Amino acid sequence: MTFVVPFDGSALAEAALVRALEYADALGEDVVTVAVIPERTRYAREKGWIDEDEPYDVDTVVEALERRVEELAPEADFEYERIREYPPAEELAERVERLAAEHDPSVVFLGSENVGSVVTPVASVAARVAEEESYDVYIVRHAVPSKIESLEAHETFYDDAT
C-alpha cells in the first residue's frame, strides 16, 4: 500500500501529510507527495508561493515545497510535474490524479476545507481527486485533529498549527 498526498504547501496540505505519516507509521506503509506546479506567476501568487511584487522562479518554489516535505516527513517521497499553462481546476485535478495513480495508492490524503460539502465549488481540485473510486480518500479539514490525540512524534507540528 502507498499513501499519496497532493501537496501545495498550504496549511491543510501540510496537515494531510502529517496525518498520512501517522497512519503510515502505524501501518508500515510508504508516503508519497505529489505536486503539479504551473509555470504561471498568477497561480504562484494565488497559492501564496510568492508575494505580489516578487518574481516567480519555479525552481525556487519546487525546492521550497520539497524542503517542507523533508521537514515534515523525511521518509516521504516528493514528486512533481511542471506545466506551462495555467489550467482550469479540472485539468489540474486530472494531472494530480495521474501522478497519484502512478503509485497505485490505497489512500489519498487530501487537505481541503470544502471537499464533501453539500455545495462543492466548481473550481475545487480536491473535489475532483476525491471522486476517484480506485482508492479511499481521507479528507483533512482541520490542521489539528479535533477528536484524536496526536502521536508523540508529531506533537511539534500540531503545537505550531494551533
N, C-alpha and C. Protein backbone atom coordinates (compact mmCIF):
# COMPACT_ATOMS: atom_id res chain seq x y z
N MET A 1 0.84 -1.18 0.00
CA MET A 1 0.00 0.00 0.00
C MET A 1 0.88 1.24 0.00
N THR A 2 0.36 2.27 -0.61
CA THR A 2 1.02 3.56 -0.61
C THR A 2 -0.01 4.62 -0.31
N PHE A 3 0.38 5.56 0.52
CA PHE A 3 -0.47 6.71 0.81
C PHE A 3 0.06 7.88 0.00
N VAL A 4 -0.81 8.55 -0.72
CA VAL A 4 -0.42 9.68 -1.57
C VAL A 4 -1.06 10.95 -1.02
N VAL A 5 -0.25 12.02 -1.01
CA VAL A 5 -0.72 13.31 -0.52
C VAL A 5 -0.47 14.37 -1.58
N PRO A 6 -1.52 14.91 -2.22
CA PRO A 6 -1.31 16.07 -3.08
C PRO A 6 -0.81 17.22 -2.20
N PHE A 7 0.29 17.85 -2.62
CA PHE A 7 0.95 18.82 -1.74
C PHE A 7 1.21 20.13 -2.46
N ASP A 8 0.67 21.21 -1.88
CA ASP A 8 0.92 22.55 -2.44
C ASP A 8 1.51 23.50 -1.41
N GLY A 9 1.86 22.97 -0.24
CA GLY A 9 2.46 23.79 0.80
C GLY A 9 1.46 24.51 1.68
N SER A 10 0.17 24.38 1.41
CA SER A 10 -0.85 25.04 2.25
C SER A 10 -0.89 24.36 3.62
N ALA A 11 -1.50 25.05 4.58
CA ALA A 11 -1.60 24.51 5.93
C ALA A 11 -2.32 23.17 5.95
N LEU A 12 -3.40 23.05 5.16
CA LEU A 12 -4.14 21.78 5.16
C LEU A 12 -3.40 20.68 4.40
N ALA A 13 -2.62 21.03 3.40
CA ALA A 13 -1.79 20.02 2.72
C ALA A 13 -0.72 19.51 3.68
N GLU A 14 -0.16 20.42 4.47
CA GLU A 14 0.82 20.01 5.47
C GLU A 14 0.18 19.10 6.51
N ALA A 15 -1.02 19.45 6.96
CA ALA A 15 -1.73 18.62 7.94
C ALA A 15 -2.05 17.25 7.35
N ALA A 16 -2.45 17.22 6.08
CA ALA A 16 -2.74 15.94 5.42
C ALA A 16 -1.48 15.08 5.35
N LEU A 17 -0.34 15.70 5.08
CA LEU A 17 0.92 14.95 5.03
C LEU A 17 1.25 14.37 6.40
N VAL A 18 1.12 15.16 7.44
CA VAL A 18 1.40 14.66 8.79
C VAL A 18 0.44 13.54 9.16
N ARG A 19 -0.85 13.71 8.83
CA ARG A 19 -1.84 12.68 9.13
C ARG A 19 -1.50 11.40 8.36
N ALA A 20 -1.13 11.51 7.09
CA ALA A 20 -0.75 10.33 6.31
C ALA A 20 0.46 9.65 6.93
N LEU A 21 1.40 10.44 7.39
CA LEU A 21 2.60 9.89 8.00
C LEU A 21 2.25 9.13 9.29
N GLU A 22 1.33 9.68 10.07
CA GLU A 22 0.92 8.99 11.30
C GLU A 22 0.31 7.63 10.98
N TYR A 23 -0.57 7.60 10.00
CA TYR A 23 -1.17 6.33 9.61
C TYR A 23 -0.12 5.39 9.00
N ALA A 24 0.76 5.93 8.20
CA ALA A 24 1.80 5.11 7.57
C ALA A 24 2.74 4.51 8.63
N ASP A 25 3.08 5.31 9.63
CA ASP A 25 3.92 4.79 10.72
C ASP A 25 3.23 3.64 11.42
N ALA A 26 1.94 3.79 11.69
CA ALA A 26 1.19 2.75 12.39
C ALA A 26 1.03 1.49 11.55
N LEU A 27 0.91 1.65 10.23
CA LEU A 27 0.63 0.51 9.35
C LEU A 27 1.84 0.02 8.55
N GLY A 28 2.97 0.71 8.67
CA GLY A 28 4.16 0.31 7.93
C GLY A 28 4.05 0.55 6.44
N GLU A 29 3.45 1.67 6.05
CA GLU A 29 3.25 1.97 4.64
C GLU A 29 4.14 3.12 4.18
N ASP A 30 4.24 3.29 2.88
CA ASP A 30 5.02 4.37 2.28
C ASP A 30 4.12 5.58 2.04
N VAL A 31 4.75 6.77 2.07
CA VAL A 31 4.04 8.01 1.78
C VAL A 31 4.74 8.71 0.62
N VAL A 32 3.94 9.16 -0.35
CA VAL A 32 4.44 9.91 -1.49
C VAL A 32 3.64 11.20 -1.58
N THR A 33 4.33 12.31 -1.75
CA THR A 33 3.65 13.58 -2.01
C THR A 33 3.75 13.87 -3.50
N VAL A 34 2.70 14.44 -4.05
CA VAL A 34 2.71 14.82 -5.47
C VAL A 34 2.28 16.28 -5.59
N ALA A 35 2.92 16.98 -6.50
CA ALA A 35 2.60 18.39 -6.73
C ALA A 35 2.59 18.66 -8.22
N VAL A 36 1.65 19.49 -8.63
CA VAL A 36 1.60 19.98 -10.00
C VAL A 36 1.85 21.47 -9.92
N ILE A 37 2.86 21.93 -10.62
CA ILE A 37 3.30 23.31 -10.49
C ILE A 37 3.22 24.03 -11.82
N PRO A 38 2.15 24.82 -11.99
CA PRO A 38 2.05 25.63 -13.22
C PRO A 38 3.13 26.72 -13.23
N GLU A 39 3.67 26.97 -14.38
CA GLU A 39 4.72 27.98 -14.53
C GLU A 39 4.12 29.34 -14.82
N ARG A 40 3.11 29.70 -14.08
CA ARG A 40 2.44 30.98 -14.27
C ARG A 40 2.47 31.77 -12.97
N THR A 41 2.86 33.02 -13.06
CA THR A 41 3.01 33.87 -11.89
C THR A 41 1.70 34.04 -11.14
N ARG A 42 0.61 34.21 -11.84
CA ARG A 42 -0.68 34.41 -11.18
C ARG A 42 -1.03 33.25 -10.25
N TYR A 43 -0.80 32.04 -10.71
CA TYR A 43 -1.08 30.86 -9.89
C TYR A 43 -0.19 30.85 -8.65
N ALA A 44 1.08 31.16 -8.84
CA ALA A 44 2.02 31.18 -7.72
C ALA A 44 1.60 32.20 -6.66
N ARG A 45 1.11 33.34 -7.10
CA ARG A 45 0.63 34.36 -6.16
C ARG A 45 -0.63 33.89 -5.44
N GLU A 46 -1.54 33.27 -6.18
CA GLU A 46 -2.78 32.77 -5.58
C GLU A 46 -2.48 31.72 -4.52
N LYS A 47 -1.47 30.90 -4.73
CA LYS A 47 -1.09 29.86 -3.79
C LYS A 47 -0.26 30.39 -2.62
N GLY A 48 0.17 31.64 -2.73
CA GLY A 48 1.00 32.21 -1.67
C GLY A 48 2.45 31.78 -1.74
N TRP A 49 2.85 31.27 -2.90
CA TRP A 49 4.24 30.85 -3.07
C TRP A 49 5.16 32.04 -3.21
N ILE A 50 4.63 33.15 -3.76
CA ILE A 50 5.41 34.38 -3.91
C ILE A 50 4.54 35.57 -3.51
N ASP A 51 5.20 36.66 -3.16
CA ASP A 51 4.49 37.90 -2.83
C ASP A 51 4.08 38.62 -4.10
N GLU A 52 3.22 39.62 -3.94
CA GLU A 52 2.66 40.36 -5.07
C GLU A 52 3.71 40.93 -6.01
N ASP A 53 4.78 41.47 -5.47
CA ASP A 53 5.80 42.11 -6.31
C ASP A 53 7.06 41.25 -6.51
N GLU A 54 7.00 40.02 -6.08
CA GLU A 54 8.15 39.12 -6.17
C GLU A 54 8.15 38.39 -7.52
N PRO A 55 9.31 38.25 -8.16
CA PRO A 55 9.36 37.48 -9.41
C PRO A 55 9.18 35.98 -9.11
N TYR A 56 8.67 35.26 -10.07
CA TYR A 56 8.39 33.84 -9.90
C TYR A 56 9.49 33.00 -10.50
N ASP A 57 10.15 32.25 -9.65
CA ASP A 57 11.16 31.29 -10.09
C ASP A 57 10.65 29.90 -9.71
N VAL A 58 10.25 29.13 -10.71
CA VAL A 58 9.64 27.82 -10.48
C VAL A 58 10.56 26.91 -9.69
N ASP A 59 11.84 26.90 -10.03
CA ASP A 59 12.79 26.02 -9.34
C ASP A 59 12.86 26.33 -7.85
N THR A 60 12.79 27.61 -7.50
CA THR A 60 12.82 28.01 -6.10
C THR A 60 11.58 27.50 -5.37
N VAL A 61 10.42 27.58 -6.01
CA VAL A 61 9.19 27.08 -5.40
C VAL A 61 9.26 25.56 -5.23
N VAL A 62 9.73 24.85 -6.25
CA VAL A 62 9.86 23.39 -6.15
C VAL A 62 10.78 23.04 -4.99
N GLU A 63 11.90 23.73 -4.88
CA GLU A 63 12.85 23.46 -3.79
C GLU A 63 12.21 23.74 -2.43
N ALA A 64 11.43 24.81 -2.34
CA ALA A 64 10.77 25.15 -1.07
C ALA A 64 9.74 24.08 -0.68
N LEU A 65 8.95 23.62 -1.65
CA LEU A 65 7.97 22.58 -1.36
C LEU A 65 8.66 21.29 -0.95
N GLU A 66 9.70 20.93 -1.68
CA GLU A 66 10.43 19.71 -1.36
C GLU A 66 11.08 19.80 0.02
N ARG A 67 11.63 20.95 0.34
CA ARG A 67 12.25 21.17 1.65
C ARG A 67 11.21 21.03 2.77
N ARG A 68 10.00 21.58 2.53
CA ARG A 68 8.95 21.48 3.56
C ARG A 68 8.50 20.04 3.75
N VAL A 69 8.39 19.28 2.67
CA VAL A 69 8.06 17.86 2.79
C VAL A 69 9.14 17.15 3.59
N GLU A 70 10.38 17.46 3.30
CA GLU A 70 11.52 16.85 4.02
C GLU A 70 11.46 17.18 5.51
N GLU A 71 11.09 18.42 5.84
CA GLU A 71 11.00 18.82 7.25
C GLU A 71 9.89 18.06 7.97
N LEU A 72 8.75 17.93 7.32
CA LEU A 72 7.59 17.29 7.95
C LEU A 72 7.66 15.77 7.92
N ALA A 73 8.18 15.22 6.84
CA ALA A 73 8.15 13.77 6.65
C ALA A 73 9.39 13.33 5.88
N PRO A 74 10.53 13.25 6.57
CA PRO A 74 11.79 12.92 5.89
C PRO A 74 11.75 11.63 5.09
N GLU A 75 10.90 10.68 5.50
CA GLU A 75 10.84 9.40 4.79
C GLU A 75 9.89 9.42 3.60
N ALA A 76 9.15 10.50 3.42
CA ALA A 76 8.21 10.59 2.29
C ALA A 76 8.94 10.99 1.02
N ASP A 77 8.46 10.49 -0.09
CA ASP A 77 8.98 10.90 -1.39
C ASP A 77 8.24 12.14 -1.85
N PHE A 78 8.92 12.96 -2.64
CA PHE A 78 8.32 14.16 -3.21
C PHE A 78 8.44 14.07 -4.72
N GLU A 79 7.31 14.12 -5.40
CA GLU A 79 7.31 14.10 -6.86
C GLU A 79 6.49 15.29 -7.36
N TYR A 80 6.91 15.83 -8.48
CA TYR A 80 6.19 16.97 -9.01
C TYR A 80 6.22 16.96 -10.52
N GLU A 81 5.31 17.71 -11.08
CA GLU A 81 5.25 17.91 -12.52
C GLU A 81 5.09 19.40 -12.77
N ARG A 82 5.95 19.94 -13.59
CA ARG A 82 5.83 21.34 -14.01
C ARG A 82 4.98 21.38 -15.26
N ILE A 83 4.09 22.35 -15.30
CA ILE A 83 3.28 22.53 -16.51
C ILE A 83 3.34 23.99 -16.92
N ARG A 84 3.34 24.24 -18.19
CA ARG A 84 3.48 25.60 -18.70
C ARG A 84 2.22 26.42 -18.54
N GLU A 85 1.10 25.80 -18.75
CA GLU A 85 -0.15 26.55 -18.77
C GLU A 85 -0.70 26.77 -17.36
N TYR A 86 -1.74 27.54 -17.27
CA TYR A 86 -2.50 27.76 -16.04
C TYR A 86 -3.85 27.14 -16.29
N PRO A 87 -3.98 25.83 -16.05
CA PRO A 87 -5.19 25.12 -16.45
C PRO A 87 -6.36 25.38 -15.51
N PRO A 88 -7.56 25.10 -16.00
CA PRO A 88 -8.71 25.14 -15.10
C PRO A 88 -8.56 24.03 -14.05
N ALA A 89 -9.32 24.14 -12.97
CA ALA A 89 -9.20 23.20 -11.85
C ALA A 89 -9.36 21.75 -12.29
N GLU A 90 -10.28 21.49 -13.23
CA GLU A 90 -10.49 20.12 -13.69
C GLU A 90 -9.22 19.53 -14.30
N GLU A 91 -8.56 20.30 -15.13
CA GLU A 91 -7.34 19.81 -15.77
C GLU A 91 -6.22 19.64 -14.75
N LEU A 92 -6.12 20.55 -13.83
CA LEU A 92 -5.13 20.45 -12.77
C LEU A 92 -5.39 19.18 -11.95
N ALA A 93 -6.65 18.92 -11.64
CA ALA A 93 -7.02 17.72 -10.89
C ALA A 93 -6.66 16.45 -11.66
N GLU A 94 -6.87 16.45 -12.97
CA GLU A 94 -6.51 15.29 -13.78
C GLU A 94 -5.02 14.99 -13.68
N ARG A 95 -4.21 16.03 -13.68
CA ARG A 95 -2.76 15.83 -13.57
C ARG A 95 -2.39 15.30 -12.19
N VAL A 96 -3.04 15.81 -11.15
CA VAL A 96 -2.79 15.31 -9.79
C VAL A 96 -3.21 13.85 -9.71
N GLU A 97 -4.38 13.53 -10.26
CA GLU A 97 -4.86 12.14 -10.27
C GLU A 97 -3.87 11.22 -10.98
N ARG A 98 -3.35 11.68 -12.12
CA ARG A 98 -2.42 10.85 -12.89
C ARG A 98 -1.15 10.59 -12.09
N LEU A 99 -0.61 11.64 -11.45
CA LEU A 99 0.58 11.45 -10.61
C LEU A 99 0.30 10.49 -9.47
N ALA A 100 -0.86 10.64 -8.84
CA ALA A 100 -1.23 9.75 -7.74
C ALA A 100 -1.38 8.31 -8.23
N ALA A 101 -2.04 8.14 -9.37
CA ALA A 101 -2.31 6.79 -9.91
C ALA A 101 -1.03 6.02 -10.22
N GLU A 102 0.04 6.73 -10.53
CA GLU A 102 1.32 6.05 -10.80
C GLU A 102 1.81 5.25 -9.60
N HIS A 103 1.28 5.54 -8.42
CA HIS A 103 1.70 4.85 -7.20
C HIS A 103 0.68 3.84 -6.71
N ASP A 104 -0.39 3.66 -7.48
CA ASP A 104 -1.46 2.73 -7.12
C ASP A 104 -1.82 2.89 -5.64
N PRO A 105 -2.26 4.09 -5.25
CA PRO A 105 -2.47 4.34 -3.83
C PRO A 105 -3.65 3.56 -3.26
N SER A 106 -3.51 3.22 -1.99
CA SER A 106 -4.64 2.64 -1.27
C SER A 106 -5.47 3.76 -0.64
N VAL A 107 -4.78 4.85 -0.27
CA VAL A 107 -5.47 6.00 0.31
C VAL A 107 -4.80 7.28 -0.20
N VAL A 108 -5.62 8.26 -0.56
CA VAL A 108 -5.14 9.60 -0.87
C VAL A 108 -5.59 10.50 0.26
N PHE A 109 -4.65 11.21 0.85
CA PHE A 109 -4.94 12.14 1.95
C PHE A 109 -5.04 13.54 1.37
N LEU A 110 -6.23 14.13 1.46
CA LEU A 110 -6.48 15.45 0.88
C LEU A 110 -6.67 16.48 1.97
N GLY A 111 -5.95 17.57 1.87
CA GLY A 111 -6.19 18.70 2.76
C GLY A 111 -7.14 19.65 2.06
N SER A 112 -8.35 19.77 2.56
CA SER A 112 -9.34 20.62 1.90
C SER A 112 -10.42 21.02 2.88
N GLU A 113 -10.80 22.28 2.82
CA GLU A 113 -11.87 22.77 3.68
C GLU A 113 -13.24 22.44 3.12
N ASN A 114 -13.34 22.16 1.81
CA ASN A 114 -14.66 22.08 1.22
C ASN A 114 -15.01 20.77 0.52
N VAL A 115 -14.13 19.78 0.49
CA VAL A 115 -14.48 18.52 -0.15
C VAL A 115 -15.55 17.84 0.69
N GLY A 116 -16.58 17.37 0.02
CA GLY A 116 -17.65 16.67 0.71
C GLY A 116 -18.74 17.57 1.24
N SER A 117 -18.60 18.85 1.03
CA SER A 117 -19.66 19.75 1.44
C SER A 117 -20.87 19.54 0.55
N VAL A 118 -22.01 19.95 1.01
CA VAL A 118 -23.21 19.82 0.20
C VAL A 118 -23.05 20.60 -1.10
N VAL A 119 -22.44 21.76 -1.01
CA VAL A 119 -22.18 22.57 -2.20
C VAL A 119 -20.68 22.53 -2.44
N THR A 120 -20.27 21.92 -3.54
CA THR A 120 -18.85 21.83 -3.86
C THR A 120 -18.52 22.89 -4.89
N PRO A 121 -17.49 23.70 -4.62
CA PRO A 121 -17.11 24.70 -5.61
C PRO A 121 -16.73 24.05 -6.94
N VAL A 122 -17.12 24.67 -8.01
CA VAL A 122 -16.81 24.15 -9.34
C VAL A 122 -15.31 24.07 -9.55
N ALA A 123 -14.56 24.97 -8.94
CA ALA A 123 -13.12 25.05 -9.16
C ALA A 123 -12.30 24.23 -8.17
N SER A 124 -12.89 23.29 -7.49
CA SER A 124 -12.17 22.53 -6.48
C SER A 124 -11.40 21.37 -7.09
N VAL A 125 -10.07 21.45 -7.01
CA VAL A 125 -9.21 20.35 -7.46
C VAL A 125 -9.43 19.14 -6.56
N ALA A 126 -9.50 19.39 -5.24
CA ALA A 126 -9.64 18.30 -4.28
C ALA A 126 -10.93 17.51 -4.52
N ALA A 127 -12.02 18.20 -4.84
CA ALA A 127 -13.28 17.50 -5.07
C ALA A 127 -13.15 16.53 -6.24
N ARG A 128 -12.45 16.93 -7.26
CA ARG A 128 -12.25 16.07 -8.43
C ARG A 128 -11.39 14.86 -8.07
N VAL A 129 -10.32 15.07 -7.32
CA VAL A 129 -9.45 13.96 -6.92
C VAL A 129 -10.22 13.00 -6.01
N ALA A 130 -11.08 13.54 -5.16
CA ALA A 130 -11.86 12.70 -4.23
C ALA A 130 -12.89 11.83 -4.94
N GLU A 131 -13.29 12.19 -6.16
CA GLU A 131 -14.28 11.40 -6.90
C GLU A 131 -13.75 10.05 -7.35
N GLU A 132 -12.44 9.93 -7.50
CA GLU A 132 -11.84 8.69 -8.00
C GLU A 132 -12.21 7.54 -7.08
N GLU A 133 -12.64 6.41 -7.65
CA GLU A 133 -13.11 5.29 -6.85
C GLU A 133 -12.08 4.18 -6.67
N SER A 134 -10.89 4.31 -7.25
CA SER A 134 -9.91 3.24 -7.15
C SER A 134 -9.12 3.28 -5.84
N TYR A 135 -9.33 4.32 -5.03
CA TYR A 135 -8.66 4.42 -3.74
C TYR A 135 -9.58 5.08 -2.73
N ASP A 136 -9.28 4.86 -1.47
CA ASP A 136 -10.01 5.55 -0.41
C ASP A 136 -9.47 6.97 -0.30
N VAL A 137 -10.26 7.84 0.28
CA VAL A 137 -9.85 9.23 0.45
C VAL A 137 -10.02 9.60 1.91
N TYR A 138 -8.98 10.16 2.47
CA TYR A 138 -9.01 10.69 3.83
C TYR A 138 -8.97 12.20 3.68
N ILE A 139 -10.00 12.87 4.15
CA ILE A 139 -10.08 14.32 3.99
C ILE A 139 -9.68 14.99 5.31
N VAL A 140 -8.70 15.86 5.22
CA VAL A 140 -8.23 16.61 6.37
C VAL A 140 -8.81 18.01 6.26
N ARG A 141 -9.71 18.34 7.17
CA ARG A 141 -10.38 19.65 7.14
C ARG A 141 -9.82 20.62 8.17
N HIS A 142 -9.06 20.10 9.13
CA HIS A 142 -8.52 20.94 10.20
C HIS A 142 -7.04 20.62 10.37
N ALA A 143 -6.26 21.65 10.63
CA ALA A 143 -4.82 21.46 10.80
C ALA A 143 -4.50 20.57 11.99
N VAL A 144 -5.33 20.61 13.01
CA VAL A 144 -5.13 19.78 14.20
C VAL A 144 -6.35 18.87 14.35
N PRO A 145 -6.13 17.57 14.54
CA PRO A 145 -7.28 16.67 14.70
C PRO A 145 -8.09 17.08 15.93
N SER A 146 -9.41 17.10 15.77
CA SER A 146 -10.25 17.58 16.86
C SER A 146 -10.62 16.50 17.86
N LYS A 147 -10.60 15.26 17.45
CA LYS A 147 -11.10 14.22 18.35
C LYS A 147 -10.13 13.08 18.61
N ILE A 148 -8.92 13.15 18.07
CA ILE A 148 -7.94 12.11 18.37
C ILE A 148 -6.67 12.78 18.87
N GLU A 149 -5.96 12.07 19.70
CA GLU A 149 -4.70 12.58 20.20
C GLU A 149 -3.64 12.47 19.12
N SER A 150 -2.77 13.47 19.05
CA SER A 150 -1.68 13.41 18.08
C SER A 150 -0.65 12.40 18.58
N LEU A 151 0.06 11.82 17.66
CA LEU A 151 1.12 10.91 18.02
C LEU A 151 2.31 11.72 18.52
N GLU A 152 2.99 11.21 19.49
CA GLU A 152 4.09 11.94 20.13
C GLU A 152 5.12 12.44 19.11
N ALA A 153 5.40 11.64 18.11
CA ALA A 153 6.41 12.02 17.12
C ALA A 153 6.04 13.28 16.34
N HIS A 154 4.76 13.64 16.32
CA HIS A 154 4.31 14.78 15.52
C HIS A 154 3.72 15.91 16.35
N GLU A 155 3.93 15.86 17.66
CA GLU A 155 3.35 16.88 18.54
C GLU A 155 3.80 18.29 18.18
N THR A 156 5.05 18.46 17.77
CA THR A 156 5.52 19.82 17.46
C THR A 156 4.80 20.41 16.27
N PHE A 157 4.46 19.59 15.29
CA PHE A 157 3.67 20.09 14.15
C PHE A 157 2.34 20.62 14.64
N TYR A 158 1.66 19.81 15.45
CA TYR A 158 0.34 20.22 15.93
C TYR A 158 0.42 21.43 16.85
N ASP A 159 1.48 21.51 17.67
CA ASP A 159 1.65 22.68 18.52
C ASP A 159 1.80 23.95 17.69
N ASP A 160 2.57 23.86 16.59
CA ASP A 160 2.77 25.02 15.71
C ASP A 160 1.51 25.37 14.93
N ALA A 161 0.65 24.39 14.67
CA ALA A 161 -0.54 24.60 13.85
C ALA A 161 -1.67 25.29 14.62
N THR A 162 -1.58 25.30 15.93
CA THR A 162 -2.67 25.91 16.72
C THR A 162 -2.43 27.38 16.96
